[in-house]
Amino acid sequence: MPGLPALCCTLCGASVTGWGPLLRLLRSTSVRLALGYAALFVVSSLLLVGLLWWATAGYLERETAAVIHADLEAIQDDLPSRGLTGAIETVRDRVAAATDGHAVYLLADPSLKPVIGQSSCVAV
């Protein structure tokens, strides 16, 4: 159009975003290898940490189950010789000895009504 100024389409000599030097640096083989090894290190470290977490969580789960099973067996072994009163006394002693606050002991009757233990921890 005759009255409008002509638009210039030549590229600017300087980079507007400042990415030019970085892009030139990424074309270097040594930088790409270093970034590749860094990515490999991060991925392998995350896998190792994940594996250690999984193994530790499994170990702690097995240890907790073993402690619960041992307590249950000890109370069951006393039941024939000492009767229900002996089992109640054993559970009462274990509740009194539990210092961490995370141990839950509950002795219930066949209708699942609490006989002794931390009944406040049990959902009704």
PDB file of N, CA and C in Angstrom:
ATOM      1  N   MET A   1       0.831  -1.167   0.000  1.00  0.00           N
ATOM      2  CA  MET A   1       0.000   0.000   0.000  1.00  0.00           C
ATOM      3  C   MET A   1       0.881   1.237   0.000  1.00  0.00           C
ATOM      4  N   PRO A   2       0.470   2.207  -0.731  1.00  0.00           N
ATOM      5  CA  PRO A   2       1.351   3.350  -0.930  1.00  0.00           C
ATOM      6  C   PRO A   2       1.565   4.205   0.314  1.00  0.00           C
ATOM      7  N   GLY A   3       0.623   4.329   1.251  1.00  0.00           N
ATOM      8  CA  GLY A   3       0.787   5.238   2.370  1.00  0.00           C
ATOM      9  C   GLY A   3       1.415   4.615   3.613  1.00  0.00           C
ATOM     10  N   LEU A   4       1.587   3.327   3.632  1.00  0.00           N
ATOM     11  CA  LEU A   4       2.114   2.648   4.813  1.00  0.00           C
ATOM     12  C   LEU A   4       3.624   2.472   4.722  1.00  0.00           C
ATOM     13  N   PRO A   5       4.291   2.552   5.874  1.00  0.00           N
ATOM     14  CA  PRO A   5       5.751   2.326   5.833  1.00  0.00           C
ATOM     15  C   PRO A   5       6.053   0.856   5.539  1.00  0.00           C
ATOM     16  N   ALA A   6       7.134   0.584   4.921  1.00  0.00           N
ATOM     17  CA  ALA A   6       7.542  -0.779   4.569  1.00  0.00           C
ATOM     18  C   ALA A   6       8.045  -1.486   5.837  1.00  0.00           C
ATOM     19  N   LEU A   7       7.624  -2.717   6.014  1.00  0.00           N
ATOM     20  CA  LEU A   7       8.071  -3.511   7.153  1.00  0.00           C
ATOM     21  C   LEU A   7       9.393  -4.166   6.829  1.00  0.00           C
ATOM     22  N   CYS A   8      10.286  -4.119   7.783  1.00  0.00           N
ATOM     23  CA  CYS A   8      11.606  -4.717   7.591  1.00  0.00           C
ATOM     24  C   CYS A   8      11.573  -6.147   8.120  1.00  0.00           C
ATOM     25  N   CYS A   9      12.080  -7.080   7.403  1.00  0.00           N
ATOM     26  CA  CYS A   9      12.077  -8.481   7.807  1.00  0.00           C
ATOM     27  C   CYS A   9      13.475  -9.017   8.020  1.00  0.00           C
ATOM     28  N   THR A  10      14.442  -8.199   8.287  1.00  0.00           N
ATOM     29  CA  THR A  10      15.787  -8.695   8.522  1.00  0.00           C
ATOM     30  C   THR A  10      15.931  -9.114   9.974  1.00  0.00           C
ATOM     31  N   LEU A  11      16.712 -10.144  10.212  1.00  0.00           N
ATOM     32  CA  LEU A  11      16.932 -10.652  11.567  1.00  0.00           C
ATOM     33  C   LEU A  11      17.844  -9.723  12.337  1.00  0.00           C
ATOM     34  N   CYS A  12      17.580  -9.648  13.605  1.00  0.00           N
ATOM     35  CA  CYS A  12      18.402  -8.832  14.478  1.00  0.00           C
ATOM     36  C   CYS A  12      19.731  -9.544  14.717  1.00  0.00           C
ATOM     37  N   GLY A  13      20.783  -8.826  14.855  1.00  0.00           N
ATOM     38  CA  GLY A  13      22.089  -9.428  15.075  1.00  0.00           C
ATOM     39  C   GLY A  13      22.240  -9.990  16.474  1.00  0.00           C
ATOM     40  N   ALA A  14      21.568  -9.437  17.467  1.00  0.00           N
ATOM     41  CA  ALA A  14      21.666  -9.914  18.848  1.00  0.00           C
ATOM     42  C   ALA A  14      20.436 -10.756  19.174  1.00  0.00           C
ATOM     43  N   SER A  15      20.643 -11.753  19.998  1.00  0.00           N
ATOM     44  CA  SER A  15      19.535 -12.608  20.407  1.00  0.00           C
ATOM     45  C   SER A  15      18.685 -11.863  21.431  1.00  0.00           C
ATOM     46  N   VAL A  16      17.381 -11.892  21.244  1.00  0.00           N
ATOM     47  CA  VAL A  16      16.481 -11.196  22.155  1.00  0.00           C
ATOM     48  C   VAL A  16      16.325 -11.973  23.454  1.00  0.00           C
ATOM     49  N   THR A  17      16.291 -13.272  23.380  1.00  0.00           N
ATOM     50  CA  THR A  17      16.039 -14.082  24.571  1.00  0.00           C
ATOM     51  C   THR A  17      17.305 -14.457  25.319  1.00  0.00           C
ATOM     52  N   GLY A  18      18.426 -14.378  24.757  1.00  0.00           N
ATOM     53  CA  GLY A  18      19.661 -14.755  25.426  1.00  0.00           C
ATOM     54  C   GLY A  18      19.934 -16.250  25.406  1.00  0.00           C
ATOM     55  N   TRP A  19      19.205 -16.997  24.596  1.00  0.00           N
ATOM     56  CA  TRP A  19      19.375 -18.444  24.525  1.00  0.00           C
ATOM     57  C   TRP A  19      20.489 -18.854  23.568  1.00  0.00           C
ATOM     58  N   GLY A  20      21.002 -17.936  22.812  1.00  0.00           N
ATOM     59  CA  GLY A  20      22.020 -18.267  21.805  1.00  0.00           C
ATOM     60  C   GLY A  20      23.247 -18.959  22.377  1.00  0.00           C
ATOM     61  N   PRO A  21      23.888 -18.371  23.392  1.00  0.00           N
ATOM     62  CA  PRO A  21      25.074 -19.027  23.955  1.00  0.00           C
ATOM     63  C   PRO A  21      24.759 -20.394  24.572  1.00  0.00           C
ATOM     64  N   LEU A  22      23.593 -20.510  25.191  1.00  0.00           N
ATOM     65  CA  LEU A  22      23.214 -21.783  25.796  1.00  0.00           C
ATOM     66  C   LEU A  22      22.999 -22.852  24.733  1.00  0.00           C
ATOM     67  N   LEU A  23      22.341 -22.485  23.654  1.00  0.00           N
ATOM     68  CA  LEU A  23      22.127 -23.446  22.571  1.00  0.00           C
ATOM     69  C   LEU A  23      23.448 -23.858  21.933  1.00  0.00           C
ATOM     70  N   ARG A  24      24.352 -22.915  21.813  1.00  0.00           N
ATOM     71  CA  ARG A  24      25.673 -23.243  21.273  1.00  0.00           C
ATOM     72  C   ARG A  24      26.406 -24.194  22.216  1.00  0.00           C
ATOM     73  N   LEU A  25      26.228 -23.971  23.519  1.00  0.00           N
ATOM     74  CA  LEU A  25      26.882 -24.826  24.507  1.00  0.00           C
ATOM     75  C   LEU A  25      26.313 -26.242  24.458  1.00  0.00           C
ATOM     76  N   LEU A  26      24.999 -26.376  24.251  1.00  0.00           N
ATOM     77  CA  LEU A  26      24.378 -27.695  24.200  1.00  0.00           C
ATOM     78  C   LEU A  26      24.787 -28.483  22.957  1.00  0.00           C
ATOM     79  N   ARG A  27      25.305 -27.828  21.982  1.00  0.00           N
ATOM     80  CA  ARG A  27      25.772 -28.560  20.802  1.00  0.00           C
ATOM     81  C   ARG A  27      27.118 -29.244  21.044  1.00  0.00           C
ATOM     82  N   SER A  28      27.760 -28.904  22.142  1.00  0.00           N
ATOM     83  CA  SER A  28      29.051 -29.492  22.477  1.00  0.00           C
ATOM     84  C   SER A  28      28.855 -30.928  22.967  1.00  0.00           C
ATOM     85  N   THR A  29      29.666 -31.834  22.455  1.00  0.00           N
ATOM     86  CA  THR A  29      29.560 -33.242  22.834  1.00  0.00           C
ATOM     87  C   THR A  29      29.868 -33.445  24.318  1.00  0.00           C
ATOM     88  N   SER A  30      30.863 -32.750  24.832  1.00  0.00           N
ATOM     89  CA  SER A  30      31.228 -32.939  26.236  1.00  0.00           C
ATOM     90  C   SER A  30      30.108 -32.473  27.165  1.00  0.00           C
ATOM     91  N   VAL A  31      29.436 -31.401  26.834  1.00  0.00           N
ATOM     92  CA  VAL A  31      28.329 -30.931  27.670  1.00  0.00           C
ATOM     93  C   VAL A  31      27.162 -31.905  27.588  1.00  0.00           C
ATOM     94  N   ARG A  32      26.859 -32.414  26.416  1.00  0.00           N
ATOM     95  CA  ARG A  32      25.773 -33.385  26.290  1.00  0.00           C
ATOM     96  C   ARG A  32      26.089 -34.665  27.041  1.00  0.00           C
ATOM     97  N   LEU A  33      27.342 -35.122  26.988  1.00  0.00           N
ATOM     98  CA  LEU A  33      27.728 -36.306  27.759  1.00  0.00           C
ATOM     99  C   LEU A  33      27.618 -36.051  29.260  1.00  0.00           C
ATOM    100  N   ALA A  34      28.058 -34.892  29.714  1.00  0.00           N
ATOM    101  CA  ALA A  34      27.972 -34.561  31.137  1.00  0.00           C
ATOM    102  C   ALA A  34      26.513 -34.510  31.587  1.00  0.00           C
ATOM    103  N   LEU A  35      25.640 -33.905  30.794  1.00  0.00           N
ATOM    104  CA  LEU A  35      24.221 -33.864  31.132  1.00  0.00           C
ATOM    105  C   LEU A  35      23.603 -35.260  31.113  1.00  0.00           C
ATOM    106  N   GLY A  36      24.022 -36.096  30.181  1.00  0.00           N
ATOM    107  CA  GLY A  36      23.535 -37.472  30.123  1.00  0.00           C
ATOM    108  C   GLY A  36      23.943 -38.263  31.356  1.00  0.00           C
ATOM    109  N   TYR A  37      25.207 -38.118  31.753  1.00  0.00           N
ATOM    110  CA  TYR A  37      25.667 -38.815  32.957  1.00  0.00           C
ATOM    111  C   TYR A  37      24.983 -38.267  34.207  1.00  0.00           C
ATOM    112  N   ALA A  38      24.743 -36.965  34.248  1.00  0.00           N
ATOM    113  CA  ALA A  38      24.039 -36.388  35.393  1.00  0.00           C
ATOM    114  C   ALA A  38      22.612 -36.932  35.469  1.00  0.00           C
ATOM    115  N   ALA A  39      21.937 -37.026  34.339  1.00  0.00           N
ATOM    116  CA  ALA A  39      20.578 -37.583  34.322  1.00  0.00           C
ATOM    117  C   ALA A  39      20.600 -39.049  34.728  1.00  0.00           C
ATOM    118  N   LEU A  40      21.577 -39.802  34.246  1.00  0.00           N
ATOM    119  CA  LEU A  40      21.703 -41.210  34.624  1.00  0.00           C
ATOM    120  C   LEU A  40      21.954 -41.353  36.125  1.00  0.00           C
ATOM    121  N   PHE A  41      22.786 -40.470  36.682  1.00  0.00           N
ATOM    122  CA  PHE A  41      23.063 -40.493  38.108  1.00  0.00           C
ATOM    123  C   PHE A  41      21.805 -40.196  38.923  1.00  0.00           C
ATOM    124  N   VAL A  42      21.028 -39.193  38.501  1.00  0.00           N
ATOM    125  CA  VAL A  42      19.811 -38.834  39.227  1.00  0.00           C
ATOM    126  C   VAL A  42      18.815 -39.988  39.186  1.00  0.00           C
ATOM    127  N   VAL A  43      18.619 -40.576  38.007  1.00  0.00           N
ATOM    128  CA  VAL A  43      17.665 -41.685  37.879  1.00  0.00           C
ATOM    129  C   VAL A  43      18.115 -42.884  38.710  1.00  0.00           C
ATOM    130  N   SER A  44      19.397 -43.237  38.643  1.00  0.00           N
ATOM    131  CA  SER A  44      19.872 -44.392  39.403  1.00  0.00           C
ATOM    132  C   SER A  44      19.832 -44.120  40.906  1.00  0.00           C
ATOM    133  N   SER A  45      20.081 -42.889  41.329  1.00  0.00           N
ATOM    134  CA  SER A  45      19.986 -42.548  42.753  1.00  0.00           C
ATOM    135  C   SER A  45      18.550 -42.666  43.238  1.00  0.00           C
ATOM    136  N   LEU A  46      17.605 -42.173  42.440  1.00  0.00           N
ATOM    137  CA  LEU A  46      16.199 -42.287  42.815  1.00  0.00           C
ATOM    138  C   LEU A  46      15.763 -43.750  42.886  1.00  0.00           C
ATOM    139  N   LEU A  47      16.227 -44.563  41.956  1.00  0.00           N
ATOM    140  CA  LEU A  47      15.896 -45.985  42.003  1.00  0.00           C
ATOM    141  C   LEU A  47      16.483 -46.651  43.241  1.00  0.00           C
ATOM    142  N   LEU A  48      17.710 -46.305  43.585  1.00  0.00           N
ATOM    143  CA  LEU A  48      18.347 -46.880  44.769  1.00  0.00           C
ATOM    144  C   LEU A  48      17.617 -46.462  46.045  1.00  0.00           C
ATOM    145  N   VAL A  49      17.265 -45.198  46.160  1.00  0.00           N
ATOM    146  CA  VAL A  49      16.540 -44.725  47.335  1.00  0.00           C
ATOM    147  C   VAL A  49      15.168 -45.394  47.412  1.00  0.00           C
ATOM    148  N   GLY A  50      14.503 -45.535  46.272  1.00  0.00           N
ATOM    149  CA  GLY A  50      13.209 -46.209  46.256  1.00  0.00           C
ATOM    150  C   GLY A  50      13.323 -47.661  46.679  1.00  0.00           C
ATOM    151  N   LEU A  51      14.351 -48.347  46.212  1.00  0.00           N
ATOM    152  CA  LEU A  51      14.574 -49.737  46.585  1.00  0.00           C
ATOM    153  C   LEU A  51      14.867 -49.864  48.081  1.00  0.00           C
ATOM    154  N   LEU A  52      15.691 -48.974  48.607  1.00  0.00           N
ATOM    155  CA  LEU A  52      15.991 -49.003  50.039  1.00  0.00           C
ATOM    156  C   LEU A  52      14.746 -48.716  50.872  1.00  0.00           C
ATOM    157  N   TRP A  53      13.929 -47.767  50.441  1.00  0.00           N
ATOM    158  CA  TRP A  53      12.688 -47.470  51.159  1.00  0.00           C
ATOM    159  C   TRP A  53      11.760 -48.676  51.145  1.00  0.00           C
ATOM    160  N   TRP A  54      11.598 -49.295  49.985  1.00  0.00           N
ATOM    161  CA  TRP A  54      10.725 -50.456  49.856  1.00  0.00           C
ATOM    162  C   TRP A  54      11.202 -51.602  50.734  1.00  0.00           C
ATOM    163  N   ALA A  55      12.517 -51.857  50.728  1.00  0.00           N
ATOM    164  CA  ALA A  55      13.072 -52.946  51.540  1.00  0.00           C
ATOM    165  C   ALA A  55      12.928 -52.647  53.030  1.00  0.00           C
ATOM    166  N   THR A  56      13.168 -51.406  53.424  1.00  0.00           N
ATOM    167  CA  THR A  56      13.046 -51.034  54.834  1.00  0.00           C
ATOM    168  C   THR A  56      11.602 -51.109  55.301  1.00  0.00           C
ATOM    169  N   ALA A  57      10.680 -50.644  54.485  1.00  0.00           N
ATOM    170  CA  ALA A  57       9.257 -50.705  54.853  1.00  0.00           C
ATOM    171  C   ALA A  57       8.809 -52.161  54.987  1.00  0.00           C
ATOM    172  N   GLY A  58       9.255 -53.021  54.092  1.00  0.00           N
ATOM    173  CA  GLY A  58       8.919 -54.442  54.186  1.00  0.00           C
ATOM    174  C   GLY A  58       9.507 -55.088  55.427  1.00  0.00           C
ATOM    175  N   TYR A  59      10.755 -54.740  55.741  1.00  0.00           N
ATOM    176  CA  TYR A  59      11.402 -55.279  56.931  1.00  0.00           C
ATOM    177  C   TYR A  59      10.660 -54.856  58.198  1.00  0.00           C
ATOM    178  N   LEU A  60      10.317 -53.564  58.286  1.00  0.00           N
ATOM    179  CA  LEU A  60       9.608 -53.089  59.472  1.00  0.00           C
ATOM    180  C   LEU A  60       8.228 -53.714  59.585  1.00  0.00           C
ATOM    181  N   GLU A  61       7.571 -53.938  58.461  1.00  0.00           N
ATOM    182  CA  GLU A  61       6.256 -54.594  58.484  1.00  0.00           C
ATOM    183  C   GLU A  61       6.373 -56.027  59.004  1.00  0.00           C
ATOM    184  N   ARG A  62       7.410 -56.738  58.543  1.00  0.00           N
ATOM    185  CA  ARG A  62       7.612 -58.116  59.012  1.00  0.00           C
ATOM    186  C   ARG A  62       7.974 -58.147  60.498  1.00  0.00           C
ATOM    187  N   GLU A  63       8.798 -57.207  60.949  1.00  0.00           N
ATOM    188  CA  GLU A  63       9.171 -57.155  62.362  1.00  0.00           C
ATOM    189  C   GLU A  63       7.958 -56.852  63.240  1.00  0.00           C
ATOM    190  N   THR A  64       7.122 -55.931  62.805  1.00  0.00           N
ATOM    191  CA  THR A  64       5.910 -55.602  63.564  1.00  0.00           C
ATOM    192  C   THR A  64       4.987 -56.804  63.644  1.00  0.00           C
ATOM    193  N   ALA A  65       4.819 -57.487  62.518  1.00  0.00           N
ATOM    194  CA  ALA A  65       3.966 -58.681  62.512  1.00  0.00           C
ATOM    195  C   ALA A  65       4.534 -59.762  63.422  1.00  0.00           C
ATOM    196  N   ALA A  66       5.864 -59.901  63.462  1.00  0.00           N
ATOM    197  CA  ALA A  66       6.489 -60.911  64.317  1.00  0.00           C
ATOM    198  C   ALA A  66       6.282 -60.577  65.800  1.00  0.00           C
ATOM    199  N   VAL A  67       6.375 -59.305  66.161  1.00  0.00           N
ATOM    200  CA  VAL A  67       6.162 -58.907  67.557  1.00  0.00           C
ATOM    201  C   VAL A  67       4.710 -59.151  67.957  1.00  0.00           C
ATOM    202  N   ILE A  68       3.781 -58.805  67.085  1.00  0.00           N
ATOM    203  CA  ILE A  68       2.364 -59.035  67.375  1.00  0.00           C
ATOM    204  C   ILE A  68       2.093 -60.522  67.526  1.00  0.00           C
ATOM    205  N   HIS A  69       2.664 -61.321  66.625  1.00  0.00           N
ATOM    206  CA  HIS A  69       2.471 -62.773  66.689  1.00  0.00           C
ATOM    207  C   HIS A  69       3.071 -63.350  67.973  1.00  0.00           C
ATOM    208  N   ALA A  70       4.244 -62.864  68.375  1.00  0.00           N
ATOM    209  CA  ALA A  70       4.878 -63.353  69.605  1.00  0.00           C
ATOM    210  C   ALA A  70       4.038 -62.993  70.833  1.00  0.00           C
ATOM    211  N   ASP A  71       3.511 -61.771  70.870  1.00  0.00           N
ATOM    212  CA  ASP A  71       2.640 -61.395  71.994  1.00  0.00           C
ATOM    213  C   ASP A  71       1.385 -62.250  72.024  1.00  0.00           C
ATOM    214  N   LEU A  72       0.790 -62.479  70.864  1.00  0.00           N
ATOM    215  CA  LEU A  72      -0.420 -63.296  70.787  1.00  0.00           C
ATOM    216  C   LEU A  72      -0.149 -64.721  71.249  1.00  0.00           C
ATOM    217  N   GLU A  73       0.972 -65.292  70.817  1.00  0.00           N
ATOM    218  CA  GLU A  73       1.323 -66.650  71.249  1.00  0.00           C
ATOM    219  C   GLU A  73       1.559 -66.723  72.750  1.00  0.00           C
ATOM    220  N   ALA A  74       2.204 -65.696  73.302  1.00  0.00           N
ATOM    221  CA  ALA A  74       2.474 -65.700  74.746  1.00  0.00           C
ATOM    222  C   ALA A  74       1.170 -65.668  75.540  1.00  0.00           C
ATOM    223  N   ILE A  75       0.225 -64.871  75.095  1.00  0.00           N
ATOM    224  CA  ILE A  75      -1.060 -64.817  75.791  1.00  0.00           C
ATOM    225  C   ILE A  75      -1.830 -66.117  75.591  1.00  0.00           C
ATOM    226  N   GLN A  76      -1.774 -66.685  74.384  1.00  0.00           N
ATOM    227  CA  GLN A  76      -2.468 -67.953  74.121  1.00  0.00           C
ATOM    228  C   GLN A  76      -1.859 -69.104  74.909  1.00  0.00           C
ATOM    229  N   ASP A  77      -0.545 -69.085  75.096  1.00  0.00           N
ATOM    230  CA  ASP A  77       0.105 -70.147  75.861  1.00  0.00           C
ATOM    231  C   ASP A  77      -0.290 -70.102  77.334  1.00  0.00           C
ATOM    232  N   ASP A  78      -0.540 -68.898  77.853  1.00  0.00           N
ATOM    233  CA  ASP A  78      -0.953 -68.761  79.255  1.00  0.00           C
ATOM    234  C   ASP A  78      -2.421 -69.089  79.460  1.00  0.00           C
ATOM    235  N   LEU A  79      -3.204 -69.022  78.426  1.00  0.00           N
ATOM    236  CA  LEU A  79      -4.657 -69.191  78.561  1.00  0.00           C
ATOM    237  C   LEU A  79      -5.058 -70.548  79.134  1.00  0.00           C
ATOM    238  N   PRO A  80      -4.524 -71.687  78.663  1.00  0.00           N
ATOM    239  CA  PRO A  80      -4.965 -72.971  79.243  1.00  0.00           C
ATOM    240  C   PRO A  80      -4.577 -73.134  80.714  1.00  0.00           C
ATOM    241  N   SER A  81      -3.413 -72.659  81.087  1.00  0.00           N
ATOM    242  CA  SER A  81      -2.966 -72.874  82.467  1.00  0.00           C
ATOM    243  C   SER A  81      -3.529 -71.843  83.442  1.00  0.00           C
ATOM    244  N   ARG A  82      -3.677 -70.601  83.024  1.00  0.00           N
ATOM    245  CA  ARG A  82      -4.103 -69.543  83.936  1.00  0.00           C
ATOM    246  C   ARG A  82      -5.546 -69.105  83.721  1.00  0.00           C
ATOM    247  N   GLY A  83      -6.161 -69.488  82.619  1.00  0.00           N
ATOM    248  CA  GLY A  83      -7.557 -69.148  82.374  1.00  0.00           C
ATOM    249  C   GLY A  83      -7.741 -67.717  81.919  1.00  0.00           C
ATOM    250  N   LEU A  84      -8.984 -67.302  81.902  1.00  0.00           N
ATOM    251  CA  LEU A  84      -9.325 -65.961  81.440  1.00  0.00           C
ATOM    252  C   LEU A  84      -8.766 -64.885  82.366  1.00  0.00           C
ATOM    253  N   THR A  85      -8.756 -65.167  83.662  1.00  0.00           N
ATOM    254  CA  THR A  85      -8.212 -64.164  84.588  1.00  0.00           C
ATOM    255  C   THR A  85      -6.719 -63.958  84.379  1.00  0.00           C
ATOM    256  N   GLY A  86      -6.008 -65.019  84.026  1.00  0.00           N
ATOM    257  CA  GLY A  86      -4.589 -64.903  83.721  1.00  0.00           C
ATOM    258  C   GLY A  86      -4.358 -64.121  82.435  1.00  0.00           C
ATOM    259  N   ALA A  87      -5.212 -64.350  81.440  1.00  0.00           N
ATOM    260  CA  ALA A  87      -5.093 -63.604  80.187  1.00  0.00           C
ATOM    261  C   ALA A  87      -5.386 -62.123  80.420  1.00  0.00           C
ATOM    262  N   ILE A  88      -6.389 -61.845  81.243  1.00  0.00           N
ATOM    263  CA  ILE A  88      -6.722 -60.452  81.561  1.00  0.00           C
ATOM    264  C   ILE A  88      -5.568 -59.788  82.287  1.00  0.00           C
ATOM    265  N   GLU A  89      -4.971 -60.524  83.224  1.00  0.00           N
ATOM    266  CA  GLU A  89      -3.818 -59.985  83.964  1.00  0.00           C
ATOM    267  C   GLU A  89      -2.630 -59.740  83.035  1.00  0.00           C
ATOM    268  N   THR A  90      -2.378 -60.674  82.099  1.00  0.00           N
ATOM    269  CA  THR A  90      -1.275 -60.510  81.154  1.00  0.00           C
ATOM    270  C   THR A  90      -1.495 -59.289  80.273  1.00  0.00           C
ATOM    271  N   VAL A  91      -2.715 -59.127  79.754  1.00  0.00           N
ATOM    272  CA  VAL A  91      -3.005 -57.966  78.905  1.00  0.00           C
ATOM    273  C   VAL A  91      -2.876 -56.680  79.715  1.00  0.00           C
ATOM    274  N   ARG A  92      -3.350 -56.684  80.954  1.00  0.00           N
ATOM    275  CA  ARG A  92      -3.241 -55.501  81.814  1.00  0.00           C
ATOM    276  C   ARG A  92      -1.773 -55.151  82.042  1.00  0.00           C
ATOM    277  N   ASP A  93      -0.922 -56.170  82.294  1.00  0.00           N
ATOM    278  CA  ASP A  93       0.513 -55.919  82.479  1.00  0.00           C
ATOM    279  C   ASP A  93       1.146 -55.348  81.221  1.00  0.00           C
ATOM    280  N   ARG A  94       0.768 -55.882  80.064  1.00  0.00           N
ATOM    281  CA  ARG A  94       1.342 -55.391  78.801  1.00  0.00           C
ATOM    282  C   ARG A  94       0.883 -53.970  78.484  1.00  0.00           C
ATOM    283  N   VAL A  95      -0.368 -53.640  78.801  1.00  0.00           N
ATOM    284  CA  VAL A  95      -0.853 -52.270  78.601  1.00  0.00           C
ATOM    285  C   VAL A  95      -0.082 -51.313  79.503  1.00  0.00           C
ATOM    286  N   ALA A  96       0.157 -51.723  80.748  1.00  0.00           N
ATOM    287  CA  ALA A  96       0.904 -50.874  81.685  1.00  0.00           C
ATOM    288  C   ALA A  96       2.361 -50.727  81.259  1.00  0.00           C
ATOM    289  N   ALA A  97       2.930 -51.761  80.639  1.00  0.00           N
ATOM    290  CA  ALA A  97       4.336 -51.719  80.238  1.00  0.00           C
ATOM    291  C   ALA A  97       4.549 -51.000  78.910  1.00  0.00           C
ATOM    292  N   ALA A  98       3.494 -50.782  78.130  1.00  0.00           N
ATOM    293  CA  ALA A  98       3.627 -50.116  76.828  1.00  0.00           C
ATOM    294  C   ALA A  98       3.900 -48.634  77.054  1.00  0.00           C
ATOM    295  N   THR A  99       5.132 -48.204  76.798  1.00  0.00           N
ATOM    296  CA  THR A  99       5.528 -46.819  77.064  1.00  0.00           C
ATOM    297  C   THR A  99       5.478 -45.933  75.829  1.00  0.00           C
ATOM    298  N   ASP A 100       5.421 -46.520  74.644  1.00  0.00           N
ATOM    299  CA  ASP A 100       5.495 -45.689  73.443  1.00  0.00           C
ATOM    300  C   ASP A 100       4.151 -45.096  73.026  1.00  0.00           C
ATOM    301  N   GLY A 101       3.052 -45.601  73.551  1.00  0.00           N
ATOM    302  CA  GLY A 101       1.748 -45.072  73.216  1.00  0.00           C
ATOM    303  C   GLY A 101       1.178 -45.577  71.905  1.00  0.00           C
ATOM    304  N   HIS A 102       1.950 -46.337  71.150  1.00  0.00           N
ATOM    305  CA  HIS A 102       1.472 -46.860  69.868  1.00  0.00           C
ATOM    306  C   HIS A 102       1.019 -48.312  69.973  1.00  0.00           C
ATOM    307  N   ALA A 103       1.315 -48.943  71.077  1.00  0.00           N
ATOM    308  CA  ALA A 103       0.913 -50.336  71.251  1.00  0.00           C
ATOM    309  C   ALA A 103      -0.554 -50.391  71.653  1.00  0.00           C
ATOM    310  N   VAL A 104      -1.291 -51.289  71.025  1.00  0.00           N
ATOM    311  CA  VAL A 104      -2.713 -51.444  71.319  1.00  0.00           C
ATOM    312  C   VAL A 104      -2.949 -52.890  71.718  1.00  0.00           C
ATOM    313  N   TYR A 105      -3.428 -53.071  72.927  1.00  0.00           N
ATOM    314  CA  TYR A 105      -3.780 -54.402  73.415  1.00  0.00           C
ATOM    315  C   TYR A 105      -5.273 -54.399  73.727  1.00  0.00           C
ATOM    316  N   LEU A 106      -5.948 -55.442  73.276  1.00  0.00           N
ATOM    317  CA  LEU A 106      -7.373 -55.559  73.547  1.00  0.00           C
ATOM    318  C   LEU A 106      -7.733 -57.028  73.602  1.00  0.00           C
ATOM    319  N   LEU A 107      -8.361 -57.424  74.680  1.00  0.00           N
ATOM    320  CA  LEU A 107      -8.881 -58.776  74.831  1.00  0.00           C
ATOM    321  C   LEU A 107     -10.396 -58.663  74.741  1.00  0.00           C
ATOM    322  N   ALA A 108     -10.983 -59.388  73.799  1.00  0.00           N
ATOM    323  CA  ALA A 108     -12.424 -59.296  73.567  1.00  0.00           C
ATOM    324  C   ALA A 108     -13.061 -60.657  73.774  1.00  0.00           C
ATOM    325  N   ASP A 109     -14.337 -60.638  74.099  1.00  0.00           N
ATOM    326  CA  ASP A 109     -15.083 -61.887  74.256  1.00  0.00           C
ATOM    327  C   ASP A 109     -15.545 -62.376  72.876  1.00  0.00           C
ATOM    328  N   PRO A 110     -16.194 -63.551  72.799  1.00  0.00           N
ATOM    329  CA  PRO A 110     -16.612 -64.072  71.491  1.00  0.00           C
ATOM    330  C   PRO A 110     -17.557 -63.151  70.715  1.00  0.00           C
ATOM    331  N   SER A 111     -18.288 -62.282  71.397  1.00  0.00           N
ATOM    332  CA  SER A 111     -19.163 -61.345  70.684  1.00  0.00           C
ATOM    333  C   SER A 111     -18.429 -60.045  70.345  1.00  0.00           C
ATOM    334  N   LEU A 112     -17.109 -60.049  70.511  1.00  0.00           N
ATOM    335  CA  LEU A 112     -16.204 -58.931  70.201  1.00  0.00           C
ATOM    336  C   LEU A 112     -16.433 -57.702  71.078  1.00  0.00           C
ATOM    337  N   LYS A 113     -16.941 -57.911  72.263  1.00  0.00           N
ATOM    338  CA  LYS A 113     -17.054 -56.819  73.237  1.00  0.00           C
ATOM    339  C   LYS A 113     -15.756 -56.779  74.032  1.00  0.00           C
ATOM    340  N   PRO A 114     -15.177 -55.589  74.232  1.00  0.00           N
ATOM    341  CA  PRO A 114     -13.907 -55.487  74.959  1.00  0.00           C
ATOM    342  C   PRO A 114     -14.020 -55.983  76.393  1.00  0.00           C
ATOM    343  N   VAL A 115     -13.050 -56.825  76.782  1.00  0.00           N
ATOM    344  CA  VAL A 115     -12.966 -57.298  78.155  1.00  0.00           C
ATOM    345  C   VAL A 115     -11.937 -56.444  78.901  1.00  0.00           C
ATOM    346  N   ILE A 116     -10.757 -56.295  78.286  1.00  0.00           N
ATOM    347  CA  ILE A 116      -9.683 -55.489  78.886  1.00  0.00           C
ATOM    348  C   ILE A 116      -8.823 -54.962  77.749  1.00  0.00           C
ATOM    349  N   GLY A 117      -8.222 -53.810  77.974  1.00  0.00           N
ATOM    350  CA  GLY A 117      -7.320 -53.228  76.992  1.00  0.00           C
ATOM    351  C   GLY A 117      -7.673 -51.777  76.729  1.00  0.00           C
ATOM    352  N   GLN A 118      -7.072 -51.239  75.686  1.00  0.00           N
ATOM    353  CA  GLN A 118      -7.332 -49.854  75.327  1.00  0.00           C
ATOM    354  C   GLN A 118      -8.559 -49.795  74.431  1.00  0.00           C
ATOM    355  N   SER A 119      -9.721 -49.877  75.026  1.00  0.00           N
ATOM    356  CA  SER A 119     -10.962 -49.903  74.251  1.00  0.00           C
ATOM    357  C   SER A 119     -11.232 -48.572  73.591  1.00  0.00           C
ATOM    358  N   SER A 120     -10.589 -47.495  74.024  1.00  0.00           N
ATOM    359  CA  SER A 120     -10.798 -46.195  73.389  1.00  0.00           C
ATOM    360  C   SER A 120     -10.185 -46.158  71.993  1.00  0.00           C
ATOM    361  N   CYS A 121      -9.282 -47.091  71.690  1.00  0.00           N
ATOM    362  CA  CYS A 121      -8.652 -47.142  70.371  1.00  0.00           C
ATOM    363  C   CYS A 121      -9.449 -47.946  69.372  1.00  0.00           C
ATOM    364  N   VAL A 122     -10.480 -48.631  69.821  1.00  0.00           N
ATOM    365  CA  VAL A 122     -11.238 -49.523  68.963  1.00  0.00           C
ATOM    366  C   VAL A 122     -12.476 -48.815  68.445  1.00  0.00           C
ATOM    367  N   ALA A 123     -12.678 -48.875  67.111  1.00  0.00           N
ATOM    368  CA  ALA A 123     -13.890 -48.290  66.527  1.00  0.00           C
ATOM    369  C   ALA A 123     -15.051 -49.223  66.767  1.00  0.00           C
ATOM    370  N   VAL A 124     -16.141 -48.674  67.222  1.00  0.00           N
ATOM    371  CA  VAL A 124     -17.311 -49.493  67.528  1.00  0.00           C
ATOM    372  C   VAL A 124     -18.196 -49.577  66.313  1.00  0.00           C
TER     373      VAL A 124
END
